[in-house]
Every structure is written in structure tokens, then in C-alpha cells.
Amino acid sequence: AILPYGDDLSVGAVNAPRSVVLSGRRQALDSVLADLAERGVSCRALPVNYAFHSAQMKSHAEQLAAALEGVVFNAPQMPIFSTVTGRRLSADEFDINYFGRNIRDTVRFSEAATALLRDGVSLLVEVGPHPVLGAPLAEIAVAAGSDALTASSLRRGRPERETILQALATWYASGGQPRWEAVQGGPAEVVDLPAYPWQRQRYWIDASPPAMRSAPGMREAGHILGAAISSPGGAIFEASWPSVAPAWLRDH
């Protein structure tokens, strides 16, 4: 779709198998969106006034690399899956040019998240002021055949502590083991559950006992509704289905 536009349009991001962001000059974007809509492709313009991850960012990427000249990079202390490369990075891949590519190159979010899932990650937490990638993450997990859970650190209009504790609970319920001393802020009293078997009582509604079918006011009627019974709430009919159902169902 964007091939005829050259440097005027770029694939800004691939957020999920069915979610792609285009970036570039406004006139070219308007044109390609019209073409896509005519082909039945769901698309819309995003309310932004800059063209990140497009050819327009090339000079800015070069300026950032020049500004970082002389910065010493250390090896990461934890695994990092990059949306620049779409895979796990090695220690020697962090250099000045890498951070310049963050501005210019396509955001390979879908590839990076898929790599995480294939590496065994079972919970994905979106860290930000409001979750915008929850749906793409769920789509990526389905495409990867993973049952990984998703959570968010913050939600617009929701208490911060409540939201982050819900994320923690999601992880814990899926088998995670939090450092409770960090969650509680110190040692906490441990309460034992009762040592005796819990007393269980069923509340399922069993089939009507025979006595109920012969209760006062119940009688056979000449139609499928059964017998009319007296009620201040209006007309109520009651029937003993085990006895009338076979004949009535054959007739109806």
C-alpha cells in the first residue's frame, strides 16, 4: 500500500499481527487511508502532529547519536527484548546508533512481544499512565498460542495503588511468588487457616420431590401449561413435566 509513496510514508509500528501504524507526510497519509478504506481495510488517522519512525526522523536520529558521543554503555543486568530489533539484545548491541534507530526505525512491538512469549514469559505488564497495548498484547498471545496474562501499572481515573495491586494479584493468581516483604513494607503476622475440615453444605436445587407434584391446588389440565393455581401476583400455571411432557412434546 505504501510502496508508491517512497520516503513520504513508512511503517511506523507493527503493534500486533492485525495492527499496523503508518507514519509520514500528511498528504500521503490521507491518500493511503482513502485507498485502504476503499479496499475495506479498517483504518483511522491518529491525532498526532509528528511523524515518529519515518524518514522525516532521519536527521533527528543522527543528531541524537551525535549528542550521545562519548557516553559509556554498560552491559544490561537483565534480559532486554528490543522493539528496534524485535528480539533479545546482546550486550554489545547497545551503542550510540541503537538509540538513534529508536527514533527512525519501525517499532517492532509485535515481534518483541512474541519473542518474550517464546522465551517463557507468562505475564506481560504494560508500564505507563494508561494501557493502550492491552488489546494488541492479547492478539499477539493468541497468535503465538500462548495463554500469557496481561496487566497494567496505571489506569486513567483509577487509584494508582488499586491498579498496581490488581496487577500483582493477577501475577500471584497465575502462580507468581511476590516478595511479600516488599509489598507489605515489613514483616507481617501470619494467620493459620483452621486445621479441621471445613463444613460443607450443598445448596443445589434438586429435582422436585414426589410430594410437590401432588401438592394441594395442583391438578392435571388439558393443555401444555398445566394447572392454574391461585396467586395474588396474576395467572400462574404449574405442571408435573415428567408425567405430561412425553405426550405433549410429541403433539407440539
C-alpha atoms as a PDB file:
ATOM      1  CA  ALA A   1       0.000   0.000   0.000  1.00  0.00           C
ATOM      2  CA  ILE A   2       2.801   2.452   0.836  1.00  0.00           C
ATOM      3  CA  LEU A   3       5.321   1.359  -1.803  1.00  0.00           C
ATOM      4  CA  PRO A   4       4.336   4.047  -4.362  1.00  0.00           C
ATOM      5  CA  TYR A   5       4.917   6.838  -1.818  1.00  0.00           C
ATOM      6  CA  GLY A   6       8.647   6.284  -1.288  1.00  0.00           C
ATOM      7  CA  ASP A   7      10.093   8.206   1.677  1.00  0.00           C
ATOM      8  CA  ASP A   8       6.800  10.058   2.160  1.00  0.00           C
ATOM      9  CA  LEU A   9       5.391   7.061   4.055  1.00  0.00           C
ATOM     10  CA  SER A  10       6.893   4.470   6.390  1.00  0.00           C
ATOM     11  CA  VAL A  11       5.649   1.638   8.570  1.00  0.00           C
ATOM     12  CA  GLY A  12       5.923   3.375  11.920  1.00  0.00           C
ATOM     13  CA  ALA A  13       4.990   0.409  14.090  1.00  0.00           C
ATOM     14  CA  VAL A  14       3.762  -3.159  13.945  1.00  0.00           C
ATOM     15  CA  ASN A  15       1.843  -3.473  17.223  1.00  0.00           C
ATOM     16  CA  ALA A  16       0.136  -6.808  16.505  1.00  0.00           C
ATOM     17  CA  PRO A  17      -0.475  -9.166  13.584  1.00  0.00           C
ATOM     18  CA  ARG A  18      -3.523  -7.062  12.611  1.00  0.00           C
ATOM     19  CA  SER A  19      -2.442  -3.656  13.952  1.00  0.00           C
ATOM     20  CA  VAL A  20      -0.020  -1.524  11.924  1.00  0.00           C
ATOM     21  CA  VAL A  21       0.782   2.203  12.230  1.00  0.00           C
ATOM     22  CA  LEU A  22       1.815   4.259   9.199  1.00  0.00           C
ATOM     23  CA  SER A  23       3.875   7.436   9.564  1.00  0.00           C
ATOM     24  CA  GLY A  24       4.889  10.186   7.159  1.00  0.00           C
ATOM     25  CA  ARG A  25       3.669  13.256   5.315  1.00  0.00           C
ATOM     26  CA  ARG A  26       0.041  14.207   5.933  1.00  0.00           C
ATOM     27  CA  GLN A  27      -0.946  14.370   2.262  1.00  0.00           C
ATOM     28  CA  ALA A  28       0.452  10.890   1.620  1.00  0.00           C
ATOM     29  CA  LEU A  29      -1.288   9.547   4.741  1.00  0.00           C
ATOM     30  CA  ASP A  30      -4.650  10.985   3.679  1.00  0.00           C
ATOM     31  CA  SER A  31      -4.226   9.382   0.266  1.00  0.00           C
ATOM     32  CA  VAL A  32      -3.256   5.918   1.504  1.00  0.00           C
ATOM     33  CA  LEU A  33      -6.004   5.927   4.167  1.00  0.00           C
ATOM     34  CA  ALA A  34      -8.577   6.633   1.454  1.00  0.00           C
ATOM     35  CA  ASP A  35      -7.177   3.778  -0.652  1.00  0.00           C
ATOM     36  CA  LEU A  36      -7.245   1.370   2.295  1.00  0.00           C
ATOM     37  CA  ALA A  37     -10.803   2.343   3.274  1.00  0.00           C
ATOM     38  CA  GLU A  38     -11.945   1.723  -0.302  1.00  0.00           C
ATOM     39  CA  ARG A  39     -10.417  -1.783  -0.083  1.00  0.00           C
ATOM     40  CA  GLY A  40     -12.353  -2.475   3.126  1.00  0.00           C
ATOM     41  CA  VAL A  41      -9.382  -2.144   5.477  1.00  0.00           C
ATOM     42  CA  SER A  42     -10.298  -0.655   8.857  1.00  0.00           C
ATOM     43  CA  CYS A  43      -8.111   2.419   9.422  1.00  0.00           C
ATOM     44  CA  ARG A  44      -8.179   5.865  11.016  1.00  0.00           C
ATOM     45  CA  ALA A  45      -5.920   8.875  11.493  1.00  0.00           C
ATOM     46  CA  LEU A  46      -4.194   9.305  14.837  1.00  0.00           C
ATOM     47  CA  PRO A  47      -4.300  12.760  16.489  1.00  0.00           C
ATOM     48  CA  VAL A  48      -0.564  13.471  16.464  1.00  0.00           C
ATOM     49  CA  ASN A  49       1.426  16.252  14.798  1.00  0.00           C
ATOM     50  CA  TYR A  50       4.744  14.488  14.299  1.00  0.00           C
ATOM     51  CA  ALA A  51       5.955  11.610  12.160  1.00  0.00           C
ATOM     52  CA  PHE A  52       7.995   9.435  14.501  1.00  0.00           C
ATOM     53  CA  HIS A  53       9.599   6.321  12.996  1.00  0.00           C
ATOM     54  CA  SER A  54       9.523   7.680   9.462  1.00  0.00           C
ATOM     55  CA  ALA A  55      12.084   9.078   7.017  1.00  0.00           C
ATOM     56  CA  GLN A  56      11.380  12.550   8.455  1.00  0.00           C
ATOM     57  CA  MET A  57      13.177  11.440  11.622  1.00  0.00           C
ATOM     58  CA  LYS A  58      16.477  10.575   9.929  1.00  0.00           C
ATOM     59  CA  SER A  59      18.203  13.875  10.742  1.00  0.00           C
ATOM     60  CA  HIS A  60      16.917  13.783  14.332  1.00  0.00           C
ATOM     61  CA  ALA A  61      18.281  10.255  14.755  1.00  0.00           C
ATOM     62  CA  GLU A  62      21.682  11.446  13.562  1.00  0.00           C
ATOM     63  CA  GLN A  63      21.584  14.426  15.938  1.00  0.00           C
ATOM     64  CA  LEU A  64      20.769  12.170  18.888  1.00  0.00           C
ATOM     65  CA  ALA A  65      23.636   9.830  18.031  1.00  0.00           C
ATOM     66  CA  ALA A  66      25.995  12.799  17.841  1.00  0.00           C
ATOM     67  CA  ALA A  67      24.759  14.138  21.204  1.00  0.00           C
ATOM     68  CA  LEU A  68      25.435  10.753  22.833  1.00  0.00           C
ATOM     69  CA  GLU A  69      29.022  10.670  21.598  1.00  0.00           C
ATOM     70  CA  GLY A  70      31.307   9.729  24.479  1.00  0.00           C
ATOM     71  CA  VAL A  71      28.606   8.089  26.628  1.00  0.00           C
ATOM     72  CA  VAL A  72      29.848   4.834  28.172  1.00  0.00           C
ATOM     73  CA  PHE A  73      27.378   1.937  27.854  1.00  0.00           C
ATOM     74  CA  ASN A  74      27.328  -0.903  30.380  1.00  0.00           C
ATOM     75  CA  ALA A  75      26.011  -4.404  29.819  1.00  0.00           C
ATOM     76  CA  PRO A  76      22.356  -4.783  30.881  1.00  0.00           C
ATOM     77  CA  GLN A  77      21.756  -6.501  34.207  1.00  0.00           C
ATOM     78  CA  MET A  78      18.572  -8.193  32.958  1.00  0.00           C
ATOM     79  CA  PRO A  79      17.390  -9.536  29.592  1.00  0.00           C
ATOM     80  CA  ILE A  80      16.122  -6.838  27.228  1.00  0.00           C
ATOM     81  CA  PHE A  81      13.844  -7.596  24.292  1.00  0.00           C
ATOM     82  CA  SER A  82      14.074  -4.693  21.895  1.00  0.00           C
ATOM     83  CA  THR A  83      11.295  -3.161  19.795  1.00  0.00           C
ATOM     84  CA  VAL A  84      14.035  -1.885  17.494  1.00  0.00           C
ATOM     85  CA  THR A  85      15.284  -5.351  16.537  1.00  0.00           C
ATOM     86  CA  GLY A  86      12.244  -7.412  17.553  1.00  0.00           C
ATOM     87  CA  ARG A  87      14.348  -9.846  19.574  1.00  0.00           C
ATOM     88  CA  ARG A  88      16.509 -10.211  22.664  1.00  0.00           C
ATOM     89  CA  LEU A  89      19.570  -7.995  22.543  1.00  0.00           C
ATOM     90  CA  SER A  90      23.111  -8.991  23.291  1.00  0.00           C
ATOM     91  CA  ALA A  91      25.288  -6.754  25.465  1.00  0.00           C
ATOM     92  CA  ASP A  92      27.373  -5.447  22.553  1.00  0.00           C
ATOM     93  CA  GLU A  93      24.325  -4.212  20.602  1.00  0.00           C
ATOM     94  CA  PHE A  94      23.825  -1.182  22.864  1.00  0.00           C
ATOM     95  CA  ASP A  95      25.663   1.673  21.241  1.00  0.00           C
ATOM     96  CA  ILE A  96      25.055   5.214  20.051  1.00  0.00           C
ATOM     97  CA  ASN A  97      23.462   4.166  16.770  1.00  0.00           C
ATOM     98  CA  TYR A  98      20.979   1.903  18.584  1.00  0.00           C
ATOM     99  CA  PHE A  99      19.358   4.878  20.300  1.00  0.00           C
ATOM    100  CA  GLY A 100      19.254   6.798  17.051  1.00  0.00           C
ATOM    101  CA  ARG A 101      17.421   3.896  15.453  1.00  0.00           C
ATOM    102  CA  ASN A 102      14.816   4.164  18.230  1.00  0.00           C
ATOM    103  CA  ILE A 103      13.641   7.378  16.584  1.00  0.00           C
ATOM    104  CA  ARG A 104      13.835   6.381  12.912  1.00  0.00           C
ATOM    105  CA  ASP A 105      13.199   2.642  12.603  1.00  0.00           C
ATOM    106  CA  THR A 106       9.903   0.761  12.703  1.00  0.00           C
ATOM    107  CA  VAL A 107       8.692  -0.164  16.201  1.00  0.00           C
ATOM    108  CA  ARG A 108       8.698  -3.977  16.105  1.00  0.00           C
ATOM    109  CA  PHE A 109       6.461  -4.357  19.140  1.00  0.00           C
ATOM    110  CA  SER A 110       4.699  -7.468  17.871  1.00  0.00           C
ATOM    111  CA  GLU A 111       7.984  -9.270  17.160  1.00  0.00           C
ATOM    112  CA  ALA A 112       9.494  -8.317  20.527  1.00  0.00           C
ATOM    113  CA  ALA A 113       6.400  -9.424  22.472  1.00  0.00           C
ATOM    114  CA  THR A 114       6.292 -12.705  20.520  1.00  0.00           C
ATOM    115  CA  ALA A 115       9.957 -13.292  21.375  1.00  0.00           C
ATOM    116  CA  LEU A 116       9.153 -12.702  25.056  1.00  0.00           C
ATOM    117  CA  LEU A 117       6.355 -15.266  24.977  1.00  0.00           C
ATOM    118  CA  ARG A 118       8.543 -17.831  23.221  1.00  0.00           C
ATOM    119  CA  ASP A 119      11.144 -17.260  25.934  1.00  0.00           C
ATOM    120  CA  GLY A 120       8.615 -18.444  28.520  1.00  0.00           C
ATOM    121  CA  VAL A 121       7.198 -15.160  29.842  1.00  0.00           C
ATOM    122  CA  SER A 122       3.707 -15.775  31.250  1.00  0.00           C
ATOM    123  CA  LEU A 123       2.719 -12.266  32.404  1.00  0.00           C
ATOM    124  CA  LEU A 124       3.066  -9.017  30.459  1.00  0.00           C
ATOM    125  CA  VAL A 125       2.738  -5.760  32.424  1.00  0.00           C
ATOM    126  CA  GLU A 126       2.263  -2.538  30.492  1.00  0.00           C
ATOM    127  CA  VAL A 127       4.039   0.247  32.386  1.00  0.00           C
ATOM    128  CA  GLY A 128       2.540   3.629  31.567  1.00  0.00           C
ATOM    129  CA  PRO A 129      -0.143   6.165  32.542  1.00  0.00           C
ATOM    130  CA  HIS A 130      -2.917   4.175  30.818  1.00  0.00           C
ATOM    131  CA  PRO A 131      -2.982   0.822  28.985  1.00  0.00           C
ATOM    132  CA  VAL A 132      -3.058   1.263  25.208  1.00  0.00           C
ATOM    133  CA  LEU A 133      -1.389  -2.004  24.185  1.00  0.00           C
ATOM    134  CA  GLY A 134      -3.596  -4.431  26.127  1.00  0.00           C
ATOM    135  CA  ALA A 135      -5.609  -5.474  23.064  1.00  0.00           C
ATOM    136  CA  PRO A 136      -2.511  -5.896  20.835  1.00  0.00           C
ATOM    137  CA  LEU A 137      -0.820  -7.965  23.563  1.00  0.00           C
ATOM    138  CA  ALA A 138      -3.854 -10.251  23.786  1.00  0.00           C
ATOM    139  CA  GLU A 139      -3.857 -10.614  19.988  1.00  0.00           C
ATOM    140  CA  ILE A 140      -0.140 -11.414  19.968  1.00  0.00           C
ATOM    141  CA  ALA A 141      -0.604 -14.063  22.673  1.00  0.00           C
ATOM    142  CA  VAL A 142      -3.385 -15.769  20.694  1.00  0.00           C
ATOM    143  CA  ALA A 143      -1.285 -15.743  17.518  1.00  0.00           C
ATOM    144  CA  ALA A 144       1.661 -17.226  19.439  1.00  0.00           C
ATOM    145  CA  GLY A 145      -0.503 -19.945  21.011  1.00  0.00           C
ATOM    146  CA  SER A 146       0.254 -18.595  24.498  1.00  0.00           C
ATOM    147  CA  ASP A 147      -2.067 -18.269  27.499  1.00  0.00           C
ATOM    148  CA  ALA A 148       0.001 -15.439  28.993  1.00  0.00           C
ATOM    149  CA  LEU A 149      -1.828 -12.866  31.101  1.00  0.00           C
ATOM    150  CA  THR A 150      -1.673  -9.089  30.654  1.00  0.00           C
ATOM    151  CA  ALA A 151      -1.825  -6.396  33.338  1.00  0.00           C
ATOM    152  CA  SER A 152      -1.216  -2.657  33.622  1.00  0.00           C
ATOM    153  CA  SER A 153       0.589  -0.473  36.140  1.00  0.00           C
ATOM    154  CA  LEU A 154      -1.791   2.508  35.929  1.00  0.00           C
ATOM    155  CA  ARG A 155      -5.267   3.291  34.589  1.00  0.00           C
ATOM    156  CA  ARG A 156      -6.674   6.704  33.851  1.00  0.00           C
ATOM    157  CA  GLY A 157      -9.136   7.782  36.535  1.00  0.00           C
ATOM    158  CA  ARG A 158      -8.381   4.821  38.812  1.00  0.00           C
ATOM    159  CA  PRO A 159      -6.446   4.872  42.128  1.00  0.00           C
ATOM    160  CA  GLU A 160      -2.780   4.071  41.497  1.00  0.00           C
ATOM    161  CA  ARG A 161      -2.403   1.682  44.443  1.00  0.00           C
ATOM    162  CA  GLU A 162      -5.539  -0.245  43.500  1.00  0.00           C
ATOM    163  CA  THR A 163      -4.368  -0.698  39.905  1.00  0.00           C
ATOM    164  CA  ILE A 164      -0.852  -1.877  40.747  1.00  0.00           C
ATOM    165  CA  LEU A 165      -2.180  -4.277  43.412  1.00  0.00           C
ATOM    166  CA  GLN A 166      -4.574  -5.736  40.834  1.00  0.00           C
ATOM    167  CA  ALA A 167      -1.585  -6.347  38.558  1.00  0.00           C
ATOM    168  CA  LEU A 168       0.215  -8.028  41.456  1.00  0.00           C
ATOM    169  CA  ALA A 169      -2.869 -10.151  42.194  1.00  0.00           C
ATOM    170  CA  THR A 170      -3.066 -11.206  38.537  1.00  0.00           C
ATOM    171  CA  TRP A 171       0.515 -12.431  38.681  1.00  0.00           C
ATOM    172  CA  TYR A 172       0.046 -14.145  42.057  1.00  0.00           C
ATOM    173  CA  ALA A 173      -3.136 -15.913  40.915  1.00  0.00           C
ATOM    174  CA  SER A 174      -1.264 -17.257  37.888  1.00  0.00           C
ATOM    175  CA  GLY A 175       1.428 -18.833  40.089  1.00  0.00           C
ATOM    176  CA  GLY A 176       3.850 -15.954  40.667  1.00  0.00           C
ATOM    177  CA  GLN A 177       5.615 -15.581  44.003  1.00  0.00           C
ATOM    178  CA  PRO A 178       5.887 -11.913  45.062  1.00  0.00           C
ATOM    179  CA  ARG A 179       8.408 -10.708  47.613  1.00  0.00           C
ATOM    180  CA  TRP A 180       5.809 -10.065  50.287  1.00  0.00           C
ATOM    181  CA  GLU A 181       8.189  -8.093  52.483  1.00  0.00           C
ATOM    182  CA  ALA A 182       8.422  -5.551  49.653  1.00  0.00           C
ATOM    183  CA  VAL A 183       4.649  -5.495  49.187  1.00  0.00           C
ATOM    184  CA  GLN A 184       3.831  -5.212  52.900  1.00  0.00           C
ATOM    185  CA  GLY A 185       6.697  -2.905  53.797  1.00  0.00           C
ATOM    186  CA  GLY A 186       7.994  -5.233  56.505  1.00  0.00           C
ATOM    187  CA  PRO A 187       7.216  -8.438  58.392  1.00  0.00           C
ATOM    188  CA  ALA A 188       3.516  -9.295  58.733  1.00  0.00           C
ATOM    189  CA  GLU A 189       1.593 -11.568  61.071  1.00  0.00           C
ATOM    190  CA  VAL A 190       0.862 -14.975  59.557  1.00  0.00           C
ATOM    191  CA  VAL A 191      -2.585 -16.377  60.337  1.00  0.00           C
ATOM    192  CA  ASP A 192      -3.102 -20.126  60.051  1.00  0.00           C
ATOM    193  CA  LEU A 193      -6.224 -21.496  58.451  1.00  0.00           C
ATOM    194  CA  PRO A 194      -8.386 -23.862  60.552  1.00  0.00           C
ATOM    195  CA  ALA A 195      -6.785 -27.282  60.868  1.00  0.00           C
ATOM    196  CA  TYR A 196     -10.123 -29.150  60.821  1.00  0.00           C
ATOM    197  CA  PRO A 197     -12.011 -29.973  57.595  1.00  0.00           C
ATOM    198  CA  TRP A 198     -14.342 -27.202  56.563  1.00  0.00           C
ATOM    199  CA  GLN A 199     -18.037 -27.945  56.983  1.00  0.00           C
ATOM    200  CA  ARG A 200     -19.519 -28.041  53.530  1.00  0.00           C
ATOM    201  CA  GLN A 201     -23.208 -27.794  52.682  1.00  0.00           C
ATOM    202  CA  ARG A 202     -24.732 -28.103  49.246  1.00  0.00           C
ATOM    203  CA  TYR A 203     -27.251 -25.568  48.004  1.00  0.00           C
ATOM    204  CA  TRP A 204     -28.029 -27.010  44.577  1.00  0.00           C
ATOM    205  CA  ILE A 205     -31.721 -27.184  43.690  1.00  0.00           C
ATOM    206  CA  ASP A 206     -32.612 -30.856  43.453  1.00  0.00           C
ATOM    207  CA  ALA A 207     -35.433 -32.312  41.357  1.00  0.00           C
ATOM    208  CA  SER A 208     -38.915 -31.702  42.792  1.00  0.00           C
ATOM    209  CA  PRO A 209     -39.845 -34.433  45.267  1.00  0.00           C
ATOM    210  CA  PRO A 210     -42.955 -36.563  44.546  1.00  0.00           C
ATOM    211  CA  ALA A 211     -44.889 -34.810  47.333  1.00  0.00           C
ATOM    212  CA  MET A 212     -44.562 -31.499  45.495  1.00  0.00           C
ATOM    213  CA  ARG A 213     -46.216 -32.893  42.394  1.00  0.00           C
ATOM    214  CA  SER A 214     -49.303 -33.808  44.407  1.00  0.00           C
ATOM    215  CA  ALA A 215     -49.474 -30.613  46.441  1.00  0.00           C
ATOM    216  CA  PRO A 216     -52.867 -29.019  47.120  1.00  0.00           C
ATOM    217  CA  GLY A 217     -54.067 -26.913  44.226  1.00  0.00           C
ATOM    218  CA  MET A 218     -52.195 -28.943  41.585  1.00  0.00           C
ATOM    219  CA  ARG A 219     -54.208 -30.936  39.103  1.00  0.00           C
ATOM    220  CA  GLU A 220     -53.855 -32.196  35.576  1.00  0.00           C
ATOM    221  CA  ALA A 221     -55.028 -29.767  32.910  1.00  0.00           C
ATOM    222  CA  GLY A 222     -56.000 -30.179  29.308  1.00  0.00           C
ATOM    223  CA  HIS A 223     -53.160 -28.072  27.895  1.00  0.00           C
ATOM    224  CA  ILE A 224     -49.373 -27.841  27.996  1.00  0.00           C
ATOM    225  CA  LEU A 225     -49.325 -25.040  30.617  1.00  0.00           C
ATOM    226  CA  GLY A 226     -50.556 -27.413  33.303  1.00  0.00           C
ATOM    227  CA  ALA A 227     -52.978 -26.447  36.043  1.00  0.00           C
ATOM    228  CA  ALA A 228     -53.830 -22.895  37.096  1.00  0.00           C
ATOM    229  CA  ILE A 229     -53.118 -22.099  40.717  1.00  0.00           C
ATOM    230  CA  SER A 230     -54.356 -19.208  42.804  1.00  0.00           C
ATOM    231  CA  SER A 231     -51.894 -16.338  43.230  1.00  0.00           C
ATOM    232  CA  PRO A 232     -52.237 -12.622  44.056  1.00  0.00           C
ATOM    233  CA  GLY A 233     -49.474 -11.916  41.528  1.00  0.00           C
ATOM    234  CA  GLY A 234     -51.519 -12.952  38.481  1.00  0.00           C
ATOM    235  CA  ALA A 235     -52.059 -16.100  36.460  1.00  0.00           C
ATOM    236  CA  ILE A 236     -49.654 -18.890  37.346  1.00  0.00           C
ATOM    237  CA  PHE A 237     -49.678 -22.379  35.877  1.00  0.00           C
ATOM    238  CA  GLU A 238     -47.906 -25.422  37.255  1.00  0.00           C
ATOM    239  CA  ALA A 239     -47.432 -28.843  35.727  1.00  0.00           C
ATOM    240  CA  SER A 240     -45.681 -32.072  36.527  1.00  0.00           C
ATOM    241  CA  TRP A 241     -43.472 -32.361  33.467  1.00  0.00           C
ATOM    242  CA  PRO A 242     -42.285 -35.920  33.988  1.00  0.00           C
ATOM    243  CA  SER A 243     -45.882 -37.109  33.577  1.00  0.00           C
ATOM    244  CA  VAL A 244     -47.137 -34.777  30.827  1.00  0.00           C
ATOM    245  CA  ALA A 245     -44.012 -33.979  28.827  1.00  0.00           C
ATOM    246  CA  PRO A 246     -43.769 -37.058  26.572  1.00  0.00           C
ATOM    247  CA  ALA A 247     -47.321 -36.837  25.273  1.00  0.00           C
ATOM    248  CA  TRP A 248     -47.403 -33.054  24.963  1.00  0.00           C
ATOM    249  CA  LEU A 249     -43.977 -32.780  23.284  1.00  0.00           C
ATOM    250  CA  ARG A 250     -44.947 -35.351  20.664  1.00  0.00           C
ATOM    251  CA  ASP A 251     -48.069 -33.311  19.893  1.00  0.00           C
ATOM    252  CA  HIS A 252     -46.225 -29.936  19.804  1.00  0.00           C
END
